[in-house]
Amino acid sequence: MAYLSTISDLYPSLMDADSEQIYIPKVLFEHDDFKGLNYKEILLYSFLLDRLKEPLDFIQKGYDDNGITYVHFKVEDLCELLNQSKNTIISLKKKLVQFGLIEEVKTGNNQPNRLYLTDKLVPYMKE
C-alpha cells in the first residue's frame, strides 16, 4: 500500500488552496466504489486530508521510521469538530479503514494514533 505525503499527491493544485477551506473529494459521493460511505465519514476524511497541508511538526503531522507521512488527530478534537460522540468518531474511522482510505496505528503512551492516508483515491482523480 502506498500513502499520501501531502495533499498535492491527490491533486496538485490543492497545496495552494485557501487554508480556511477544506477539500471534499467529489468521487467519494459519486463513484460506486464508495457508495457505502456516508457524509460524516466523508467529512472526517476531508479533515484528515486537510492535515496533509500542515508543515511537518510531529504534533499534527509527522513521518515514521520508514519516512511515511502520518497525521495526528485526537479523538476528542474530532468529537468537538464534527459534533459527534467518541463512539461515533471511532466508528467513522473504522469505516474509512474498511474502505481502504486510511490505516490507523495505535501509538500508546496516551498519544493520538497515527493516521496514514492511503493513495486509494489517486486513480479516481482527474486533473
N, C-alpha and C. Protein backbone atom coordinates (compact mmCIF):
# COMPACT_ATOMS: atom_id res chain seq x y z
N MET A 1 0.85 -1.18 0.00
CA MET A 1 0.00 0.00 0.00
C MET A 1 0.89 1.24 0.00
N ALA A 2 0.53 2.20 -0.79
CA ALA A 2 1.24 3.48 -0.82
C ALA A 2 0.41 4.52 -0.07
N TYR A 3 1.07 5.58 0.35
CA TYR A 3 0.42 6.58 1.18
C TYR A 3 0.63 7.98 0.62
N LEU A 4 -0.27 8.89 0.99
CA LEU A 4 -0.14 10.29 0.61
C LEU A 4 0.82 10.96 1.58
N SER A 5 1.69 11.82 1.07
CA SER A 5 2.59 12.57 1.96
C SER A 5 2.16 14.03 2.06
N THR A 6 1.55 14.54 1.01
CA THR A 6 0.98 15.89 1.04
C THR A 6 -0.35 15.83 0.29
N ILE A 7 -1.15 16.84 0.46
CA ILE A 7 -2.44 16.86 -0.23
C ILE A 7 -2.24 16.97 -1.74
N SER A 8 -1.11 17.51 -2.17
CA SER A 8 -0.85 17.64 -3.61
C SER A 8 -0.62 16.29 -4.28
N ASP A 9 -0.35 15.23 -3.49
CA ASP A 9 -0.26 13.88 -4.07
C ASP A 9 -1.60 13.47 -4.66
N LEU A 10 -2.66 13.98 -4.10
CA LEU A 10 -4.01 13.67 -4.56
C LEU A 10 -4.41 14.56 -5.73
N TYR A 11 -4.11 15.82 -5.60
CA TYR A 11 -4.48 16.80 -6.63
C TYR A 11 -3.53 17.98 -6.46
N PRO A 12 -2.59 18.16 -7.38
CA PRO A 12 -1.50 19.14 -7.20
C PRO A 12 -1.93 20.55 -6.81
N SER A 13 -2.99 21.06 -7.36
CA SER A 13 -3.38 22.45 -7.08
C SER A 13 -3.93 22.64 -5.66
N LEU A 14 -4.19 21.56 -4.94
CA LEU A 14 -4.74 21.69 -3.59
C LEU A 14 -3.75 22.27 -2.59
N MET A 15 -2.46 22.18 -2.88
CA MET A 15 -1.46 22.72 -1.97
C MET A 15 -1.62 24.23 -1.85
N ASP A 16 -2.11 24.87 -2.90
CA ASP A 16 -2.27 26.32 -2.90
C ASP A 16 -3.68 26.76 -2.50
N ALA A 17 -4.51 25.82 -2.11
CA ALA A 17 -5.90 26.14 -1.77
C ALA A 17 -5.96 27.00 -0.51
N ASP A 18 -7.03 27.73 -0.38
CA ASP A 18 -7.26 28.59 0.78
C ASP A 18 -7.21 27.76 2.06
N SER A 19 -6.43 28.21 3.02
CA SER A 19 -6.27 27.45 4.26
C SER A 19 -7.53 27.45 5.12
N GLU A 20 -8.47 28.31 4.80
CA GLU A 20 -9.73 28.37 5.54
C GLU A 20 -10.79 27.45 4.94
N GLN A 21 -10.43 26.70 3.92
CA GLN A 21 -11.37 25.79 3.27
C GLN A 21 -10.81 24.37 3.31
N ILE A 22 -11.72 23.41 3.32
CA ILE A 22 -11.28 22.02 3.21
C ILE A 22 -11.72 21.48 1.86
N TYR A 23 -11.02 20.45 1.41
CA TYR A 23 -11.33 19.83 0.13
C TYR A 23 -12.12 18.56 0.39
N ILE A 24 -13.26 18.43 -0.26
CA ILE A 24 -14.08 17.22 -0.16
C ILE A 24 -14.05 16.53 -1.51
N PRO A 25 -13.39 15.38 -1.60
CA PRO A 25 -13.32 14.69 -2.89
C PRO A 25 -14.71 14.25 -3.38
N LYS A 26 -15.14 14.81 -4.48
CA LYS A 26 -16.46 14.52 -5.04
C LYS A 26 -16.63 13.04 -5.38
N VAL A 27 -15.53 12.40 -5.73
CA VAL A 27 -15.57 10.98 -6.10
C VAL A 27 -16.13 10.12 -4.96
N LEU A 28 -15.94 10.56 -3.73
CA LEU A 28 -16.45 9.79 -2.59
C LEU A 28 -17.97 9.76 -2.55
N PHE A 29 -18.61 10.74 -3.16
CA PHE A 29 -20.07 10.76 -3.26
C PHE A 29 -20.57 10.07 -4.53
N GLU A 30 -19.78 10.13 -5.60
CA GLU A 30 -20.28 9.75 -6.91
C GLU A 30 -19.89 8.35 -7.40
N HIS A 31 -18.74 7.85 -6.98
CA HIS A 31 -18.28 6.58 -7.54
C HIS A 31 -18.87 5.40 -6.77
N ASP A 32 -19.25 4.37 -7.50
CA ASP A 32 -19.85 3.18 -6.89
C ASP A 32 -18.95 2.52 -5.85
N ASP A 33 -17.63 2.63 -6.02
CA ASP A 33 -16.70 2.01 -5.07
C ASP A 33 -16.81 2.60 -3.67
N PHE A 34 -17.42 3.77 -3.54
CA PHE A 34 -17.51 4.43 -2.25
C PHE A 34 -18.96 4.64 -1.79
N LYS A 35 -19.90 3.93 -2.40
CA LYS A 35 -21.33 4.12 -2.10
C LYS A 35 -21.68 3.83 -0.64
N GLY A 36 -20.89 3.04 0.05
CA GLY A 36 -21.19 2.71 1.44
C GLY A 36 -20.78 3.78 2.44
N LEU A 37 -20.11 4.82 1.98
CA LEU A 37 -19.69 5.90 2.87
C LEU A 37 -20.82 6.92 3.03
N ASN A 38 -20.99 7.41 4.25
CA ASN A 38 -21.97 8.48 4.44
C ASN A 38 -21.25 9.83 4.58
N TYR A 39 -22.01 10.88 4.67
CA TYR A 39 -21.43 12.22 4.67
C TYR A 39 -20.52 12.46 5.88
N LYS A 40 -20.80 11.84 7.01
CA LYS A 40 -19.95 12.03 8.19
C LYS A 40 -18.57 11.44 7.97
N GLU A 41 -18.52 10.26 7.38
CA GLU A 41 -17.24 9.62 7.10
C GLU A 41 -16.45 10.42 6.07
N ILE A 42 -17.15 10.93 5.07
CA ILE A 42 -16.51 11.73 4.03
C ILE A 42 -15.98 13.04 4.61
N LEU A 43 -16.74 13.65 5.48
CA LEU A 43 -16.30 14.90 6.10
C LEU A 43 -15.09 14.65 7.00
N LEU A 44 -15.11 13.57 7.76
CA LEU A 44 -13.96 13.21 8.59
C LEU A 44 -12.72 13.03 7.71
N TYR A 45 -12.87 12.29 6.62
CA TYR A 45 -11.75 12.07 5.70
C TYR A 45 -11.22 13.40 5.17
N SER A 46 -12.10 14.32 4.87
CA SER A 46 -11.70 15.63 4.36
C SER A 46 -10.87 16.41 5.38
N PHE A 47 -11.23 16.31 6.65
CA PHE A 47 -10.43 16.97 7.68
C PHE A 47 -9.07 16.29 7.85
N LEU A 48 -9.02 14.98 7.68
CA LEU A 48 -7.73 14.29 7.73
C LEU A 48 -6.86 14.72 6.55
N LEU A 49 -7.47 14.81 5.37
CA LEU A 49 -6.74 15.30 4.19
C LEU A 49 -6.19 16.70 4.44
N ASP A 50 -6.98 17.52 5.08
CA ASP A 50 -6.57 18.90 5.35
C ASP A 50 -5.30 18.94 6.19
N ARG A 51 -5.14 17.98 7.08
CA ARG A 51 -3.92 17.92 7.89
C ARG A 51 -2.67 17.73 7.04
N LEU A 52 -2.83 17.15 5.86
CA LEU A 52 -1.67 16.96 4.98
C LEU A 52 -1.12 18.28 4.47
N LYS A 53 -1.91 19.36 4.56
CA LYS A 53 -1.42 20.68 4.15
C LYS A 53 -0.50 21.29 5.21
N GLU A 54 -0.56 20.76 6.42
CA GLU A 54 0.23 21.31 7.52
C GLU A 54 1.71 20.98 7.35
N PRO A 55 2.58 21.83 7.92
CA PRO A 55 4.02 21.50 7.88
C PRO A 55 4.31 20.33 8.82
N LEU A 56 5.41 19.65 8.59
CA LEU A 56 5.82 18.57 9.48
C LEU A 56 6.20 19.17 10.83
N ASP A 57 5.41 18.90 11.84
CA ASP A 57 5.71 19.42 13.18
C ASP A 57 5.65 18.32 14.24
N PHE A 58 5.30 17.12 13.83
CA PHE A 58 5.17 15.96 14.70
C PHE A 58 4.11 16.16 15.78
N ILE A 59 3.29 17.18 15.63
CA ILE A 59 2.13 17.37 16.50
C ILE A 59 0.88 17.04 15.70
N GLN A 60 0.73 17.69 14.54
CA GLN A 60 -0.41 17.43 13.66
C GLN A 60 -0.04 16.50 12.51
N LYS A 61 1.23 16.50 12.16
CA LYS A 61 1.69 15.72 11.01
C LYS A 61 3.16 15.36 11.24
N GLY A 62 3.51 14.15 10.88
CA GLY A 62 4.89 13.72 11.03
C GLY A 62 5.20 12.59 10.06
N TYR A 63 6.35 11.97 10.24
CA TYR A 63 6.68 10.79 9.44
C TYR A 63 7.32 9.75 10.35
N ASP A 64 7.13 8.49 9.98
CA ASP A 64 7.61 7.40 10.81
C ASP A 64 9.04 7.01 10.43
N ASP A 65 9.53 5.91 11.02
CA ASP A 65 10.90 5.44 10.77
C ASP A 65 11.14 5.06 9.32
N ASN A 66 10.07 4.77 8.59
CA ASN A 66 10.18 4.42 7.17
C ASN A 66 10.01 5.63 6.26
N GLY A 67 9.85 6.81 6.84
CA GLY A 67 9.68 8.02 6.05
C GLY A 67 8.26 8.23 5.54
N ILE A 68 7.31 7.46 6.05
CA ILE A 68 5.92 7.56 5.60
C ILE A 68 5.19 8.61 6.45
N THR A 69 4.49 9.50 5.79
CA THR A 69 3.79 10.60 6.45
C THR A 69 2.50 10.11 7.11
N TYR A 70 2.25 10.60 8.31
CA TYR A 70 1.00 10.32 9.02
C TYR A 70 0.47 11.63 9.58
N VAL A 71 -0.80 11.62 9.97
CA VAL A 71 -1.38 12.77 10.65
C VAL A 71 -1.86 12.33 12.02
N HIS A 72 -1.89 13.27 12.94
CA HIS A 72 -2.45 13.06 14.27
C HIS A 72 -3.74 13.86 14.36
N PHE A 73 -4.72 13.27 14.99
CA PHE A 73 -5.95 14.00 15.28
C PHE A 73 -6.53 13.33 16.52
N LYS A 74 -6.54 14.00 17.64
CA LYS A 74 -7.10 13.43 18.86
C LYS A 74 -8.59 13.17 18.65
N VAL A 75 -9.05 12.05 19.18
CA VAL A 75 -10.47 11.70 19.08
C VAL A 75 -11.33 12.82 19.68
N GLU A 76 -10.88 13.37 20.79
CA GLU A 76 -11.63 14.44 21.45
C GLU A 76 -11.77 15.66 20.53
N ASP A 77 -10.70 15.96 19.81
CA ASP A 77 -10.75 17.10 18.88
C ASP A 77 -11.71 16.83 17.73
N LEU A 78 -11.71 15.59 17.24
CA LEU A 78 -12.64 15.22 16.17
C LEU A 78 -14.08 15.26 16.67
N CYS A 79 -14.29 14.82 17.91
CA CYS A 79 -15.64 14.88 18.51
C CYS A 79 -16.16 16.31 18.51
N GLU A 80 -15.30 17.23 18.93
CA GLU A 80 -15.71 18.63 19.00
C GLU A 80 -15.91 19.22 17.61
N LEU A 81 -14.98 18.93 16.71
CA LEU A 81 -15.03 19.48 15.36
C LEU A 81 -16.29 19.03 14.61
N LEU A 82 -16.62 17.75 14.73
CA LEU A 82 -17.75 17.18 13.99
C LEU A 82 -19.02 17.07 14.83
N ASN A 83 -18.94 17.50 16.10
CA ASN A 83 -20.09 17.45 17.00
C ASN A 83 -20.66 16.02 17.08
N GLN A 84 -19.76 15.08 17.34
CA GLN A 84 -20.13 13.67 17.43
C GLN A 84 -19.56 13.08 18.71
N SER A 85 -20.10 11.94 19.12
CA SER A 85 -19.60 11.26 20.31
C SER A 85 -18.30 10.51 19.99
N LYS A 86 -17.61 10.12 21.03
CA LYS A 86 -16.36 9.36 20.87
C LYS A 86 -16.63 8.05 20.12
N ASN A 87 -17.69 7.36 20.49
CA ASN A 87 -18.03 6.09 19.82
C ASN A 87 -18.32 6.30 18.34
N THR A 88 -18.98 7.40 18.02
CA THR A 88 -19.28 7.69 16.61
C THR A 88 -18.00 7.94 15.83
N ILE A 89 -17.09 8.73 16.39
CA ILE A 89 -15.82 9.02 15.71
C ILE A 89 -15.04 7.73 15.48
N ILE A 90 -14.99 6.87 16.47
CA ILE A 90 -14.29 5.59 16.33
C ILE A 90 -14.93 4.77 15.21
N SER A 91 -16.26 4.74 15.15
CA SER A 91 -16.96 4.01 14.08
C SER A 91 -16.68 4.61 12.70
N LEU A 92 -16.64 5.94 12.63
CA LEU A 92 -16.36 6.61 11.35
C LEU A 92 -14.96 6.25 10.86
N LYS A 93 -13.99 6.26 11.77
CA LYS A 93 -12.62 5.91 11.38
C LYS A 93 -12.54 4.45 10.92
N LYS A 94 -13.25 3.57 11.61
CA LYS A 94 -13.25 2.15 11.22
C LYS A 94 -13.80 1.97 9.81
N LYS A 95 -14.82 2.75 9.47
CA LYS A 95 -15.40 2.66 8.12
C LYS A 95 -14.39 3.13 7.08
N LEU A 96 -13.64 4.19 7.37
CA LEU A 96 -12.61 4.66 6.45
C LEU A 96 -11.51 3.62 6.27
N VAL A 97 -11.21 2.89 7.34
CA VAL A 97 -10.24 1.79 7.25
C VAL A 97 -10.80 0.69 6.35
N GLN A 98 -12.07 0.32 6.54
CA GLN A 98 -12.70 -0.72 5.73
C GLN A 98 -12.67 -0.39 4.25
N PHE A 99 -12.81 0.88 3.92
CA PHE A 99 -12.80 1.31 2.52
C PHE A 99 -11.39 1.54 1.99
N GLY A 100 -10.39 1.30 2.84
CA GLY A 100 -9.01 1.42 2.40
C GLY A 100 -8.52 2.84 2.23
N LEU A 101 -9.21 3.80 2.82
CA LEU A 101 -8.81 5.21 2.69
C LEU A 101 -7.77 5.62 3.73
N ILE A 102 -7.81 4.97 4.89
CA ILE A 102 -6.82 5.26 5.92
C ILE A 102 -6.37 3.96 6.57
N GLU A 103 -5.22 4.04 7.23
CA GLU A 103 -4.76 2.99 8.13
C GLU A 103 -4.47 3.67 9.46
N GLU A 104 -4.86 3.02 10.54
CA GLU A 104 -4.67 3.60 11.87
C GLU A 104 -3.72 2.72 12.66
N VAL A 105 -2.70 3.35 13.24
CA VAL A 105 -1.71 2.62 14.04
C VAL A 105 -1.74 3.19 15.45
N LYS A 106 -1.97 2.30 16.41
CA LYS A 106 -2.01 2.72 17.81
C LYS A 106 -0.59 3.08 18.26
N THR A 107 -0.48 4.16 19.02
CA THR A 107 0.84 4.61 19.48
C THR A 107 1.03 4.42 20.97
N GLY A 108 -0.05 4.34 21.73
CA GLY A 108 0.07 4.17 23.18
C GLY A 108 0.56 5.44 23.85
N ASN A 109 1.00 5.31 25.09
CA ASN A 109 1.54 6.43 25.86
C ASN A 109 0.62 7.65 25.86
N ASN A 110 -0.67 7.41 25.81
CA ASN A 110 -1.67 8.50 25.83
C ASN A 110 -1.49 9.48 24.67
N GLN A 111 -0.94 9.01 23.57
CA GLN A 111 -0.75 9.82 22.36
C GLN A 111 -1.84 9.47 21.35
N PRO A 112 -2.19 10.43 20.48
CA PRO A 112 -3.17 10.09 19.43
C PRO A 112 -2.58 9.06 18.47
N ASN A 113 -3.44 8.21 17.93
CA ASN A 113 -2.99 7.21 16.97
C ASN A 113 -2.47 7.89 15.71
N ARG A 114 -1.60 7.18 15.00
CA ARG A 114 -1.12 7.67 13.72
C ARG A 114 -2.13 7.28 12.65
N LEU A 115 -2.51 8.24 11.84
CA LEU A 115 -3.46 8.00 10.76
C LEU A 115 -2.73 8.20 9.44
N TYR A 116 -2.62 7.12 8.70
CA TYR A 116 -1.96 7.14 7.39
C TYR A 116 -3.05 7.20 6.33
N LEU A 117 -2.97 8.19 5.46
CA LEU A 117 -3.94 8.32 4.37
C LEU A 117 -3.38 7.59 3.16
N THR A 118 -4.10 6.59 2.70
CA THR A 118 -3.62 5.79 1.57
C THR A 118 -3.81 6.55 0.26
N ASP A 119 -3.20 6.03 -0.78
CA ASP A 119 -3.33 6.67 -2.10
C ASP A 119 -4.48 6.07 -2.91
N LYS A 120 -5.44 5.45 -2.24
CA LYS A 120 -6.54 4.78 -2.93
C LYS A 120 -7.32 5.70 -3.87
N LEU A 121 -7.44 6.98 -3.53
CA LEU A 121 -8.22 7.90 -4.36
C LEU A 121 -7.47 8.37 -5.61
N VAL A 122 -6.15 8.26 -5.62
CA VAL A 122 -5.35 8.83 -6.71
C VAL A 122 -5.84 8.39 -8.09
N PRO A 123 -6.12 7.10 -8.33
CA PRO A 123 -6.57 6.70 -9.67
C PRO A 123 -7.92 7.30 -10.08
N TYR A 124 -8.70 7.74 -9.12
CA TYR A 124 -10.03 8.30 -9.41
C TYR A 124 -9.98 9.79 -9.73
N MET A 125 -8.89 10.42 -9.40
CA MET A 125 -8.79 11.87 -9.54
C MET A 125 -8.49 12.26 -10.97
N LYS A 126 -9.09 13.38 -11.39
CA LYS A 126 -8.87 13.92 -12.74
C LYS A 126 -8.31 15.31 -12.60
N GLU A 127 -7.32 15.62 -13.39
CA GLU A 127 -6.74 16.98 -13.41
C GLU A 127 -7.71 17.94 -14.04
